[in-house]
Amino acid sequence: MGSRPPVSAARRALLAAGGALATWPWLAGCERAPVEVAGGWVGADAGRGHALRDGRLPRADADGTRRCSVAIVGAGVAGLAAARSLRHAGIDDFRVFELEDAAGGNARAHAMGGMRCPLGAHYLPLPGPEAREVIELLHELGVARSEAGRTIYDERHLCHAPQERMFVPSAQVDAIAPGRWHEGLLPLDGAGVGTLAQMQRFAAEVGTLQRTLSFAMPTLRSRWSTGLAALDAVSFAAWLNEQGYDDARLLAYLDYGCRDDYGAGLGLVSAWAGIHYFASRHGFHVPGEDAAEPADAVLTWPEGNAWLTERLARGLDERLQTAAVLTRITPSRHEVALEVWNARAARPERWLARRVVVCVPLFVASRLIDARPAALADVVPRLTYAPWLVSNLQLHAPLIDRPGPPPAWDNVIAGSPALGYVDAMHQSLRPVPGPTVLTHYWALGGQSRAELKAQRARLLTAPWTAWRDAVLADLLPAHPDLPQRLARVDSMRYGHAMIVPTPGLRGDAALAALGTAQGRLHFAHADLSASSVFEEAYTRGTLAGQAVAQALGGTETSRRPT
């Protein structure tokens, strides 16, 4: 698993003192964890997707064919955005088909002990001026308002302080000095002159690239240039090495950022992606040297971005068909045929639509569409998707905290192969700590395609108990009392959670071509931006819905699917 920490005798003693010995189940020589905690797999039904992949679903007969003006394939962020665009254009005659039992895609919610928590995406950075569609949505939902020409965000939706902290284990892991928490995700305690110099140089370089090249969120509003293409052509790791960046702290932080936004490390993502992470938002700031610079503000909710997708799905009613497995999309000159396996009713269905908005990952779309567009066939073999594990840990009592700043919303453990956890109750206004849910994130893309492939296989084949024990082992250095306060662990596995912006992908001509209509098919997914974040998916879906509405001429108003 990327960097695998050695399990020393002292560490085993610490874990045993915590009440349970939870170890990495794939490390040779480790003992099996005698942890008895209820839970299991939740969320996505991998069996449905694999049934489609393996061709095990029956086809529908032509009899009983149903019609709608627009079919939207996929009810993730892009699909829901497309539906919203159609409704705003006065078009009601559409149907949204979703594989899973609920809409939301990677932004769905869960609940444990009466507390809501995310199953995936859990925050939205304050959008920049290029994200016009996202800003409009936030105003519509009451999250933002305009005052004297400025956008003001409702403080109830802004992440409460403290926002971030990092646990740094002591060099000698023992019961006396196990480590401490530090404010922020880039602590500089004990950093030498060389570390600070490299961080200052990197901050200056990001600032220069922001001014001289076009970085925007969403990326479709960037002006592609030879400078961006040069960054896109190499891995971030190779670019950093060429530029002479070798400080361990800086590289660890940059790797964390890549894993957080792209699901894979700096060895697998492009230099464009690594710079884009900072340059399209707030830049890179050396801690303590930008006192006038406000903390990076984000919007968040106990259920994560499901707060947004659930509101986007409201009012769709029968137009949203969940547990619907698309098995074939066949475009023709005058219409598009869709074959659907209705998993809830256990029957095949056939639909005809004038236009189809394809809001699923491109590798899935490639399997669905007969006579694939040339651009789709060309780009799919070059796509890479990162697997993820998201685990929600229900606690019946608050954890005993280590020295340092108080519990934050985002809590990261230095040196961990995972991304840490967020506290679902951090946004509550309760006066004293109590039961909560910790959502632990593990991006499994690694540093190479071979590592990514092995991680995906392990994710899909290892039992839930093995992953549960690995998550506990990751958290126990900071929280040895976790087993005594743990009531349940529910885990969500994503085999293909997000596209990885590998070298050459962002500037790929075939990928860009799919941003325009392909006959009666309109593609709308974050894949088109080579970056799987809310702003990309929402903008792509909104623009595709507007394009379909324009193509239909707004003539399909006030009609419902038959």
Protein backbone atom coordinates (compact mmCIF):
# COMPACT_ATOMS: atom_id res chain seq x y z
CA MET A 1 0.00 0.00 0.00
CA GLY A 2 2.33 2.77 -1.13
CA SER A 3 4.41 3.45 1.98
CA ARG A 4 3.91 0.66 4.50
CA PRO A 5 4.90 1.54 8.05
CA PRO A 6 6.86 -1.10 9.96
CA VAL A 7 4.97 -2.67 12.81
CA SER A 8 7.43 -2.51 15.67
CA ALA A 9 7.15 -4.26 19.03
CA ALA A 10 6.51 -0.87 20.66
CA ARG A 11 3.70 -0.16 18.24
CA ARG A 12 2.15 -3.56 18.88
CA ALA A 13 2.24 -2.83 22.58
CA LEU A 14 0.50 0.49 21.99
CA LEU A 15 -2.23 -1.10 19.89
CA ALA A 16 -2.76 -3.86 22.42
CA ALA A 17 -3.02 -1.26 25.17
CA GLY A 18 -5.79 0.35 23.16
CA GLY A 19 -7.90 -2.77 23.68
CA ALA A 20 -7.40 -4.45 20.31
CA LEU A 21 -4.51 -5.40 18.05
CA ALA A 22 -5.56 -4.08 14.63
CA THR A 23 -2.79 -4.55 12.08
CA TRP A 24 -2.33 -4.24 8.33
CA PRO A 25 -3.81 -7.57 7.16
CA TRP A 26 -1.53 -7.74 4.10
CA LEU A 27 1.75 -7.17 5.96
CA ALA A 28 3.73 -10.37 6.31
CA GLY A 29 4.15 -11.53 9.88
CA CYS A 30 1.29 -9.46 11.35
CA GLU A 31 -1.18 -11.03 13.70
CA ARG A 32 -4.91 -11.12 12.97
CA ALA A 33 -6.84 -8.39 14.83
CA PRO A 34 -9.23 -9.79 17.47
CA VAL A 35 -11.60 -6.86 16.92
CA GLU A 36 -15.32 -7.53 17.17
CA VAL A 37 -17.08 -4.53 15.70
CA ALA A 38 -20.33 -4.70 13.77
CA GLY A 39 -20.62 -3.29 10.26
CA GLY A 40 -20.14 -4.20 6.63
CA TRP A 41 -20.21 -2.96 3.07
CA VAL A 42 -22.78 -0.30 2.19
CA GLY A 43 -23.62 1.85 -0.80
CA ALA A 44 -22.86 0.97 -4.42
CA ASP A 45 -23.96 -2.41 -5.71
CA ALA A 46 -20.90 -3.64 -7.60
CA GLY A 47 -22.88 -6.68 -8.76
CA ARG A 48 -25.14 -4.57 -10.98
CA GLY A 49 -22.26 -2.90 -12.74
CA HIS A 50 -20.39 -6.15 -13.16
CA ALA A 51 -23.51 -7.82 -14.57
CA LEU A 52 -23.53 -5.14 -17.24
CA ARG A 53 -19.80 -5.58 -17.85
CA ASP A 54 -20.15 -9.32 -18.21
CA GLY A 55 -23.25 -9.18 -20.44
CA ARG A 56 -25.46 -11.14 -18.04
CA LEU A 57 -28.61 -8.99 -18.29
CA PRO A 58 -31.50 -9.86 -20.65
CA ARG A 59 -32.57 -7.50 -23.41
CA ALA A 60 -36.01 -5.94 -23.73
CA ASP A 61 -38.52 -6.71 -26.48
CA ALA A 62 -39.75 -3.94 -28.76
CA ASP A 63 -43.26 -4.37 -27.38
CA GLY A 64 -44.17 -1.86 -24.69
CA THR A 65 -41.52 0.68 -25.72
CA ARG A 66 -41.82 3.95 -23.82
CA ARG A 67 -40.84 7.42 -24.99
CA CYS A 68 -39.45 10.65 -23.61
CA SER A 69 -37.87 13.68 -25.21
CA VAL A 70 -34.63 13.44 -23.21
CA ALA A 71 -32.98 10.56 -21.40
CA ILE A 72 -30.27 11.32 -18.85
CA VAL A 73 -28.00 8.39 -18.09
CA GLY A 74 -26.62 8.69 -14.57
CA ALA A 75 -27.91 10.66 -11.56
CA GLY A 76 -24.62 11.87 -10.17
CA VAL A 77 -23.78 15.56 -9.95
CA ALA A 78 -23.63 16.00 -13.74
CA GLY A 79 -26.89 14.15 -14.38
CA LEU A 80 -28.76 16.09 -11.70
CA ALA A 81 -27.32 19.35 -13.07
CA ALA A 82 -28.54 18.43 -16.58
CA ALA A 83 -32.00 17.71 -15.19
CA ARG A 84 -32.03 21.07 -13.42
CA SER A 85 -31.09 22.83 -16.67
CA LEU A 86 -33.92 21.14 -18.53
CA ARG A 87 -36.44 22.08 -15.86
CA HIS A 88 -35.24 25.69 -15.91
CA ALA A 89 -35.77 25.67 -19.70
CA GLY A 90 -39.35 24.46 -19.20
CA ILE A 91 -38.67 20.91 -20.39
CA ASP A 92 -40.36 18.29 -18.21
CA ASP A 93 -40.45 15.36 -20.62
CA PHE A 94 -37.26 13.63 -19.50
CA ARG A 95 -36.24 10.58 -17.52
CA VAL A 96 -33.08 10.12 -15.40
CA PHE A 97 -31.74 6.54 -15.17
CA GLU A 98 -29.53 5.66 -12.20
CA LEU A 99 -27.77 2.37 -11.51
CA GLU A 100 -27.87 2.72 -7.73
CA ASP A 101 -30.81 2.90 -5.34
CA ALA A 102 -30.33 6.63 -4.75
CA ALA A 103 -29.16 9.64 -6.74
CA GLY A 104 -25.96 11.50 -5.96
CA GLY A 105 -23.13 9.43 -7.44
CA ASN A 106 -19.97 10.09 -5.43
CA ALA A 107 -21.87 12.63 -3.33
CA ARG A 108 -24.33 10.42 -1.44
CA ALA A 109 -25.08 10.20 2.27
CA HIS A 110 -25.32 7.60 5.00
CA ALA A 111 -26.65 7.67 8.57
CA MET A 112 -25.44 5.96 11.75
CA GLY A 113 -27.00 6.30 15.18
CA GLY A 114 -29.29 9.04 13.88
CA MET A 115 -26.30 11.06 12.61
CA ARG A 116 -25.85 11.80 8.92
CA CYS A 117 -22.44 11.34 7.31
CA PRO A 118 -20.97 11.28 3.78
CA LEU A 119 -20.32 8.26 1.58
CA GLY A 120 -18.03 10.26 -0.66
CA ALA A 121 -17.38 13.92 -1.46
CA HIS A 122 -17.68 15.98 1.71
CA TYR A 123 -16.90 19.62 0.92
CA LEU A 124 -17.02 22.34 -1.71
CA PRO A 125 -14.35 25.06 -1.84
CA LEU A 126 -15.79 28.54 -2.23
CA PRO A 127 -16.18 28.82 -6.01
CA GLY A 128 -14.12 31.29 -7.99
CA PRO A 129 -15.58 33.69 -10.56
CA GLU A 130 -15.25 31.18 -13.42
CA ALA A 131 -17.65 28.76 -11.68
CA ARG A 132 -20.68 30.84 -12.59
CA GLU A 133 -23.11 27.93 -12.66
CA VAL A 134 -22.06 26.75 -9.19
CA ILE A 135 -22.40 30.26 -7.77
CA GLU A 136 -25.90 30.51 -9.24
CA LEU A 137 -26.86 27.21 -7.61
CA LEU A 138 -25.57 28.30 -4.20
CA HIS A 139 -27.62 31.50 -4.42
CA GLU A 140 -30.68 29.49 -5.41
CA LEU A 141 -30.24 27.16 -2.43
CA GLY A 142 -29.80 30.04 0.03
CA VAL A 143 -26.16 29.23 0.77
CA ALA A 144 -24.98 32.52 -0.74
CA ARG A 145 -26.43 35.99 -1.24
CA SER A 146 -25.28 39.23 -2.86
CA GLU A 147 -24.61 42.36 -0.85
CA ALA A 148 -23.21 45.53 -2.44
CA GLY A 149 -21.80 43.53 -5.33
CA ARG A 150 -20.12 40.96 -3.09
CA THR A 151 -21.04 37.33 -2.52
CA ILE A 152 -21.72 36.57 1.14
CA TYR A 153 -21.90 32.96 2.34
CA ASP A 154 -24.17 31.80 5.14
CA GLU A 155 -21.91 30.98 8.07
CA ARG A 156 -23.99 27.91 8.91
CA HIS A 157 -22.61 26.27 5.77
CA LEU A 158 -19.01 27.42 6.11
CA CYS A 159 -16.67 24.99 7.84
CA HIS A 160 -16.46 25.86 11.52
CA ALA A 161 -13.07 26.42 13.15
CA PRO A 162 -10.76 24.69 13.75
CA GLN A 163 -10.69 23.41 10.20
CA GLU A 164 -7.57 21.23 9.85
CA ARG A 165 -4.92 19.60 11.99
CA MET A 166 -2.26 16.89 11.62
CA PHE A 167 -1.11 14.26 14.10
CA VAL A 168 2.65 13.75 14.04
CA PRO A 169 3.74 10.55 15.83
CA SER A 170 6.87 10.70 17.96
CA ALA A 171 10.03 9.10 16.65
CA GLN A 172 9.82 6.60 19.51
CA VAL A 173 6.30 5.20 19.71
CA ASP A 174 5.62 4.50 23.36
CA ALA A 175 3.02 5.23 25.99
CA ILE A 176 4.90 8.29 27.30
CA ALA A 177 5.38 10.30 24.11
CA PRO A 178 3.05 8.95 21.39
CA GLY A 179 2.94 12.19 19.41
CA ARG A 180 0.88 15.38 19.21
CA TRP A 181 -1.53 17.30 16.99
CA HIS A 182 -0.37 20.33 15.01
CA GLU A 183 -2.48 23.07 13.45
CA GLY A 184 -2.92 22.85 9.68
CA LEU A 185 -1.78 20.17 7.25
CA LEU A 186 1.74 21.50 6.76
CA PRO A 187 3.29 21.82 10.23
CA LEU A 188 6.73 23.42 10.22
CA ASP A 189 7.83 22.57 13.76
CA GLY A 190 11.51 21.73 13.52
CA ALA A 191 11.69 22.54 9.81
CA GLY A 192 15.13 23.56 8.63
CA VAL A 193 16.22 26.42 6.40
CA GLY A 194 16.20 24.15 3.36
CA THR A 195 12.55 23.19 3.88
CA LEU A 196 11.43 26.79 4.17
CA ALA A 197 13.48 27.82 1.14
CA GLN A 198 11.92 25.15 -1.07
CA MET A 199 8.41 26.03 0.12
CA GLN A 200 9.00 29.71 -0.56
CA ARG A 201 10.35 28.93 -4.02
CA PHE A 202 7.39 26.67 -4.80
CA ALA A 203 4.94 29.35 -3.61
CA ALA A 204 6.62 31.91 -5.88
CA GLU A 205 6.58 29.49 -8.82
CA VAL A 206 2.87 28.75 -8.41
CA GLY A 207 2.20 32.50 -8.25
CA THR A 208 4.14 33.07 -11.48
CA LEU A 209 2.27 30.26 -13.26
CA GLN A 210 -1.04 31.69 -12.05
CA ARG A 211 -0.20 35.01 -13.65
CA THR A 212 1.32 33.74 -16.89
CA LEU A 213 -0.84 30.69 -17.68
CA SER A 214 -4.58 30.12 -17.62
CA PHE A 215 -5.75 28.04 -14.66
CA ALA A 216 -9.47 28.00 -13.99
CA MET A 217 -12.09 25.98 -12.16
CA PRO A 218 -13.92 24.62 -14.12
CA THR A 219 -11.07 23.78 -16.46
CA LEU A 220 -13.09 24.28 -19.63
CA ARG A 221 -12.69 28.01 -18.98
CA SER A 222 -8.89 27.75 -19.15
CA ARG A 223 -7.20 28.97 -22.33
CA TRP A 224 -5.10 25.98 -23.36
CA SER A 225 -1.57 26.94 -24.32
CA THR A 226 1.84 25.46 -25.03
CA GLY A 227 2.83 26.26 -21.44
CA LEU A 228 -0.06 24.21 -20.03
CA ALA A 229 0.63 21.45 -22.56
CA ALA A 230 4.24 21.24 -21.37
CA LEU A 231 3.07 20.77 -17.77
CA ASP A 232 0.49 18.23 -18.91
CA ALA A 233 3.11 16.15 -20.72
CA VAL A 234 5.03 14.97 -17.62
CA SER A 235 4.21 13.56 -14.21
CA PHE A 236 4.18 15.90 -11.24
CA ALA A 237 6.92 13.83 -9.63
CA ALA A 238 9.15 14.20 -12.69
CA TRP A 239 8.52 17.96 -12.89
CA LEU A 240 9.31 18.45 -9.21
CA ASN A 241 12.51 16.49 -9.61
CA GLU A 242 13.51 18.52 -12.67
CA GLN A 243 12.91 21.74 -10.74
CA GLY A 244 15.06 20.52 -7.83
CA TYR A 245 12.33 20.03 -5.24
CA ASP A 246 13.42 17.22 -2.95
CA ASP A 247 12.35 18.29 0.55
CA ALA A 248 10.49 15.43 2.23
CA ARG A 249 7.92 17.66 3.96
CA LEU A 250 7.03 19.57 0.83
CA LEU A 251 6.80 16.42 -1.30
CA ALA A 252 4.61 14.68 1.31
CA TYR A 253 2.23 17.64 1.36
CA LEU A 254 2.03 17.84 -2.43
CA ASP A 255 1.45 14.09 -2.62
CA TYR A 256 -1.37 14.43 -0.08
CA GLY A 257 -2.98 17.13 -2.23
CA CYS A 258 -2.85 14.92 -5.32
CA ARG A 259 -4.34 11.95 -3.48
CA ASP A 260 -7.04 14.17 -1.98
CA ASP A 261 -8.22 15.72 -5.27
CA TYR A 262 -7.27 13.06 -7.82
CA GLY A 263 -7.13 9.78 -5.92
CA ALA A 264 -3.50 9.05 -6.84
CA GLY A 265 -0.05 10.30 -5.89
CA LEU A 266 2.31 12.72 -7.59
CA GLY A 267 3.98 9.84 -9.41
CA LEU A 268 0.81 9.16 -11.42
CA VAL A 269 -0.81 12.57 -11.97
CA SER A 270 0.48 15.16 -14.43
CA ALA A 271 2.37 18.28 -13.48
CA TRP A 272 -0.56 20.29 -14.86
CA ALA A 273 -2.83 18.60 -12.30
CA GLY A 274 -0.39 19.14 -9.45
CA ILE A 275 -0.08 22.87 -10.20
CA HIS A 276 -3.80 23.20 -11.03
CA TYR A 277 -4.64 22.02 -7.50
CA PHE A 278 -3.21 25.30 -6.18
CA ALA A 279 -3.25 27.70 -9.14
CA SER A 280 -6.96 27.29 -9.95
CA ARG A 281 -7.91 28.18 -6.38
CA HIS A 282 -5.92 29.94 -3.69
CA GLY A 283 -2.30 29.45 -4.65
CA PHE A 284 0.31 27.95 -2.34
CA HIS A 285 1.12 29.73 0.93
CA VAL A 286 3.91 28.93 3.36
CA PRO A 287 2.37 28.58 6.84
CA GLY A 288 3.02 31.59 9.04
CA GLU A 289 4.22 33.80 6.19
CA ASP A 290 0.85 34.96 4.89
CA ALA A 291 -0.76 36.40 8.00
CA ALA A 292 -3.03 38.61 5.90
CA GLU A 293 -4.21 35.65 3.86
CA PRO A 294 -7.49 34.15 5.18
CA ALA A 295 -7.75 30.44 5.77
CA ASP A 296 -9.00 28.47 2.76
CA ALA A 297 -12.77 28.52 3.29
CA VAL A 298 -14.94 25.55 2.33
CA LEU A 299 -18.62 24.74 2.48
CA THR A 300 -19.48 21.52 4.26
CA TRP A 301 -22.36 19.66 5.87
CA PRO A 302 -22.65 16.59 8.13
CA GLU A 303 -23.72 14.52 5.10
CA GLY A 304 -21.10 16.13 2.86
CA ASN A 305 -22.02 17.11 -0.68
CA ALA A 306 -25.12 14.95 -0.46
CA TRP A 307 -26.66 18.11 1.01
CA LEU A 308 -26.37 19.54 -2.51
CA THR A 309 -27.32 16.48 -4.57
CA GLU A 310 -30.37 15.72 -2.45
CA ARG A 311 -31.70 19.22 -3.16
CA LEU A 312 -30.93 18.85 -6.85
CA ALA A 313 -32.95 15.62 -6.91
CA ARG A 314 -36.01 17.07 -5.17
CA GLY A 315 -39.09 17.24 -7.33
CA LEU A 316 -37.87 14.82 -9.98
CA ASP A 317 -40.44 12.28 -8.75
CA GLU A 318 -41.14 9.58 -11.38
CA ARG A 319 -38.67 11.22 -13.76
CA LEU A 320 -35.88 9.73 -11.61
CA GLN A 321 -35.67 5.96 -12.07
CA THR A 322 -33.18 4.41 -9.66
CA ALA A 323 -32.00 0.78 -9.67
CA ALA A 324 -32.00 1.11 -13.48
CA VAL A 325 -29.09 -0.59 -15.25
CA LEU A 326 -28.56 0.76 -18.77
CA THR A 327 -27.45 -2.12 -20.96
CA ARG A 328 -27.39 -0.53 -24.40
CA ILE A 329 -27.66 2.89 -26.06
CA THR A 330 -28.29 2.80 -29.82
CA PRO A 331 -28.33 6.16 -31.62
CA SER A 332 -30.02 6.49 -35.00
CA ARG A 333 -30.78 9.37 -37.29
CA HIS A 334 -34.05 10.42 -35.66
CA GLU A 335 -33.93 9.02 -32.10
CA VAL A 336 -31.93 7.02 -29.58
CA ALA A 337 -32.98 3.63 -28.21
CA LEU A 338 -32.11 2.72 -24.64
CA GLU A 339 -32.35 -0.73 -23.13
CA VAL A 340 -32.70 -0.78 -19.35
CA TRP A 341 -32.73 -3.53 -16.75
CA ASN A 342 -35.15 -2.45 -14.02
CA ALA A 343 -33.48 -4.15 -11.04
CA ARG A 344 -36.29 -3.22 -8.67
CA ALA A 345 -38.99 -4.82 -10.84
CA ALA A 346 -36.58 -7.47 -12.24
CA ARG A 347 -37.57 -6.80 -15.85
CA PRO A 348 -36.07 -5.33 -19.02
CA GLU A 349 -37.44 -2.08 -20.45
CA ARG A 350 -36.97 -0.22 -23.72
CA TRP A 351 -37.08 3.56 -24.14
CA LEU A 352 -36.84 5.90 -27.12
CA ALA A 353 -35.59 9.48 -26.70
CA ARG A 354 -34.90 12.38 -29.04
CA ARG A 355 -31.71 13.30 -27.16
CA VAL A 356 -29.56 11.52 -24.58
CA VAL A 357 -27.26 13.13 -22.02
CA VAL A 358 -24.58 10.60 -21.05
CA CYS A 359 -23.53 11.39 -17.47
CA VAL A 360 -21.58 8.25 -16.57
CA PRO A 361 -17.79 7.71 -16.62
CA LEU A 362 -16.49 7.45 -20.14
CA PHE A 363 -15.30 3.86 -19.74
CA VAL A 364 -18.89 2.91 -18.83
CA ALA A 365 -20.32 4.93 -21.71
CA SER A 366 -17.97 3.08 -24.06
CA ARG A 367 -19.53 -0.22 -23.05
CA LEU A 368 -23.08 1.05 -23.45
CA ILE A 369 -23.07 2.84 -26.80
CA ASP A 370 -23.45 1.03 -30.10
CA ALA A 371 -21.35 2.57 -32.88
CA ARG A 372 -19.29 4.57 -30.41
CA PRO A 373 -18.21 8.06 -31.47
CA ALA A 374 -14.64 7.96 -32.77
CA ALA A 375 -13.44 10.31 -30.03
CA LEU A 376 -14.83 8.03 -27.32
CA ALA A 377 -13.25 4.92 -28.81
CA ASP A 378 -9.95 6.79 -29.11
CA VAL A 379 -9.68 8.18 -25.59
CA VAL A 380 -11.05 5.37 -23.39
CA PRO A 381 -7.96 3.10 -23.59
CA ARG A 382 -5.91 5.96 -22.11
CA LEU A 383 -8.16 6.58 -19.10
CA THR A 384 -7.19 5.63 -15.56
CA TYR A 385 -9.56 5.55 -12.59
CA ALA A 386 -8.62 5.55 -8.90
CA PRO A 387 -10.25 3.18 -6.40
CA TRP A 388 -11.33 4.58 -3.01
CA LEU A 389 -12.44 3.26 0.36
CA VAL A 390 -14.72 5.44 2.51
CA SER A 391 -15.40 4.14 6.03
CA ASN A 392 -17.82 5.65 8.53
CA LEU A 393 -17.00 4.89 12.18
CA GLN A 394 -19.85 5.42 14.66
CA LEU A 395 -18.62 6.44 18.12
CA HIS A 396 -20.86 6.24 21.19
CA ALA A 397 -18.57 8.62 23.12
CA PRO A 398 -15.92 11.23 22.25
CA LEU A 399 -12.30 10.18 21.92
CA ILE A 400 -9.62 11.19 24.40
CA ASP A 401 -7.51 13.72 22.56
CA ARG A 402 -3.73 14.00 22.28
CA PRO A 403 -1.84 17.22 23.08
CA GLY A 404 -2.10 20.07 20.61
CA PRO A 405 -5.00 21.96 19.00
CA PRO A 406 -8.55 20.71 19.69
CA PRO A 407 -10.46 18.32 17.42
CA ALA A 408 -10.94 19.78 13.95
CA TRP A 409 -13.20 19.07 11.02
CA ASP A 410 -10.38 17.50 8.98
CA ASN A 411 -7.88 15.36 10.91
CA VAL A 412 -4.83 13.86 9.16
CA ILE A 413 -2.12 11.52 10.42
CA ALA A 414 1.39 12.24 9.16
CA GLY A 415 2.97 9.38 7.22
CA SER A 416 -0.34 7.58 6.73
CA PRO A 417 -1.17 6.02 3.35
CA ALA A 418 -4.76 7.21 3.94
CA LEU A 419 -6.16 10.76 4.01
CA GLY A 420 -7.40 10.96 7.59
CA TYR A 421 -10.98 11.60 8.68
CA VAL A 422 -13.64 14.27 9.00
CA ASP A 423 -16.00 14.61 11.98
CA ALA A 424 -19.67 14.55 10.97
CA MET A 425 -20.71 16.44 14.12
CA HIS A 426 -18.13 19.20 13.75
CA GLN A 427 -20.75 21.53 12.24
CA SER A 428 -23.15 21.01 15.16
CA LEU A 429 -23.56 23.66 17.85
CA ARG A 430 -23.77 21.26 20.78
CA PRO A 431 -21.99 22.66 23.88
CA VAL A 432 -20.09 19.49 24.83
CA PRO A 433 -18.63 16.61 22.77
CA GLY A 434 -20.71 13.47 22.42
CA PRO A 435 -21.42 10.61 20.02
CA THR A 436 -20.28 11.24 16.48
CA VAL A 437 -19.31 9.62 13.18
CA LEU A 438 -15.78 9.81 11.79
CA THR A 439 -15.57 9.46 8.00
CA HIS A 440 -12.20 7.96 7.03
CA TYR A 441 -10.94 8.40 3.45
CA TRP A 442 -8.46 6.17 1.66
CA ALA A 443 -7.42 7.00 -1.90
CA LEU A 444 -5.93 3.86 -3.44
CA GLY A 445 -4.53 5.12 -6.75
CA GLY A 446 -0.92 4.90 -5.62
CA GLN A 447 2.08 6.05 -7.65
CA SER A 448 1.76 3.82 -10.72
CA ARG A 449 -0.83 2.01 -12.83
CA ALA A 450 0.46 -1.33 -11.57
CA GLU A 451 -0.01 -0.26 -7.96
CA LEU A 452 -3.46 1.12 -8.74
CA LYS A 453 -4.52 -2.15 -10.38
CA ALA A 454 -3.32 -4.18 -7.40
CA GLN A 455 -5.09 -1.87 -4.96
CA ARG A 456 -8.38 -2.18 -6.86
CA ALA A 457 -8.16 -5.96 -6.86
CA ARG A 458 -7.45 -5.95 -3.12
CA LEU A 459 -10.35 -3.57 -2.48
CA LEU A 460 -12.81 -5.78 -4.34
CA THR A 461 -11.60 -9.14 -3.03
CA ALA A 462 -10.37 -8.64 0.56
CA PRO A 463 -13.10 -9.13 3.16
CA TRP A 464 -14.68 -6.18 4.89
CA THR A 465 -13.06 -7.23 8.20
CA ALA A 466 -9.58 -6.86 6.69
CA TRP A 467 -10.29 -3.31 5.56
CA ARG A 468 -11.94 -2.50 8.87
CA ASP A 469 -8.82 -3.63 10.71
CA ALA A 470 -6.60 -1.62 8.35
CA VAL A 471 -8.63 1.54 9.02
CA LEU A 472 -8.37 0.98 12.77
CA ALA A 473 -4.62 0.42 12.48
CA ASP A 474 -4.33 3.72 10.64
CA LEU A 475 -6.15 5.63 13.40
CA LEU A 476 -4.87 3.92 16.54
CA PRO A 477 -1.57 5.82 16.82
CA ALA A 478 -3.59 9.00 17.34
CA HIS A 479 -6.58 7.38 19.06
CA PRO A 480 -5.61 4.27 21.07
CA ASP A 481 -8.97 4.43 22.90
CA LEU A 482 -10.88 4.09 19.62
CA PRO A 483 -11.89 0.41 20.09
CA GLN A 484 -13.61 1.16 23.42
CA ARG A 485 -15.73 3.91 21.86
CA LEU A 486 -16.47 2.29 18.53
CA ALA A 487 -20.02 1.04 17.93
CA ARG A 488 -20.00 0.22 14.22
CA VAL A 489 -18.02 0.58 10.98
CA ASP A 490 -19.78 0.87 7.59
CA SER A 491 -17.52 0.94 4.54
CA MET A 492 -18.13 2.03 0.98
CA ARG A 493 -15.82 0.83 -1.78
CA TYR A 494 -15.46 2.56 -5.13
CA GLY A 495 -13.64 0.48 -7.72
CA HIS A 496 -13.50 3.40 -10.19
CA ALA A 497 -14.18 6.42 -8.00
CA MET A 498 -12.58 9.17 -10.07
CA ILE A 499 -10.58 9.79 -13.19
CA VAL A 500 -6.85 10.32 -12.66
CA PRO A 501 -5.36 13.24 -14.65
CA THR A 502 -2.41 11.26 -15.97
CA PRO A 503 0.19 12.95 -18.21
CA GLY A 504 -1.25 14.00 -21.56
CA LEU A 505 -4.91 13.56 -20.63
CA ARG A 506 -6.01 17.14 -19.98
CA GLY A 507 -4.83 18.28 -23.42
CA ASP A 508 -6.09 15.19 -25.28
CA ALA A 509 -7.90 16.23 -28.48
CA ALA A 510 -10.34 13.31 -28.35
CA LEU A 511 -11.33 14.17 -24.79
CA ALA A 512 -11.94 17.77 -25.82
CA ALA A 513 -14.07 16.64 -28.79
CA LEU A 514 -16.50 14.86 -26.48
CA GLY A 515 -17.39 18.24 -24.97
CA THR A 516 -19.52 18.95 -28.04
CA ALA A 517 -22.61 17.02 -29.16
CA GLN A 518 -21.96 13.73 -30.91
CA GLY A 519 -25.09 13.49 -33.03
CA ARG A 520 -27.98 12.99 -30.61
CA LEU A 521 -25.63 12.17 -27.75
CA HIS A 522 -24.36 14.83 -25.32
CA PHE A 523 -21.58 13.82 -22.92
CA ALA A 524 -21.55 15.44 -19.49
CA HIS A 525 -19.23 14.10 -16.83
CA ALA A 526 -16.22 15.29 -14.83
CA ASP A 527 -14.16 12.85 -16.93
CA LEU A 528 -14.26 15.45 -19.70
CA SER A 529 -12.25 17.78 -17.47
CA ALA A 530 -9.77 15.10 -16.34
CA SER A 531 -10.64 16.18 -12.78
CA SER A 532 -13.41 14.65 -10.71
CA VAL A 533 -14.63 17.51 -8.52
CA PHE A 534 -18.06 19.04 -7.98
CA GLU A 535 -17.40 22.22 -9.98
CA GLU A 536 -16.40 20.23 -13.06
CA ALA A 537 -19.31 17.77 -12.98
CA TYR A 538 -21.92 20.40 -12.20
CA THR A 539 -20.77 22.78 -14.94
CA ARG A 540 -20.57 20.01 -17.54
CA GLY A 541 -24.08 18.82 -16.68
CA THR A 542 -25.54 22.31 -16.71
CA LEU A 543 -24.06 23.17 -20.10
CA ALA A 544 -25.18 19.85 -21.62
CA GLY A 545 -28.72 20.42 -20.38
CA GLN A 546 -28.72 23.89 -21.90
CA ALA A 547 -27.44 22.53 -25.22
CA VAL A 548 -30.19 19.90 -25.31
CA ALA A 549 -32.85 22.49 -24.47
CA GLN A 550 -31.60 24.67 -27.31
CA ALA A 551 -31.57 21.72 -29.72
CA LEU A 552 -35.17 20.88 -28.82
CA GLY A 553 -36.21 24.50 -29.19
CA GLY A 554 -37.98 24.52 -25.83
CA THR A 555 -41.01 22.82 -27.42
CA GLU A 556 -41.28 19.91 -25.00
CA THR A 557 -42.71 21.84 -22.05
CA SER A 558 -45.10 20.54 -19.42
CA ARG A 559 -45.02 16.95 -20.57
CA ARG A 560 -44.19 13.92 -18.48
CA PRO A 561 -42.72 10.53 -19.54
CA THR A 562 -45.34 8.13 -20.79
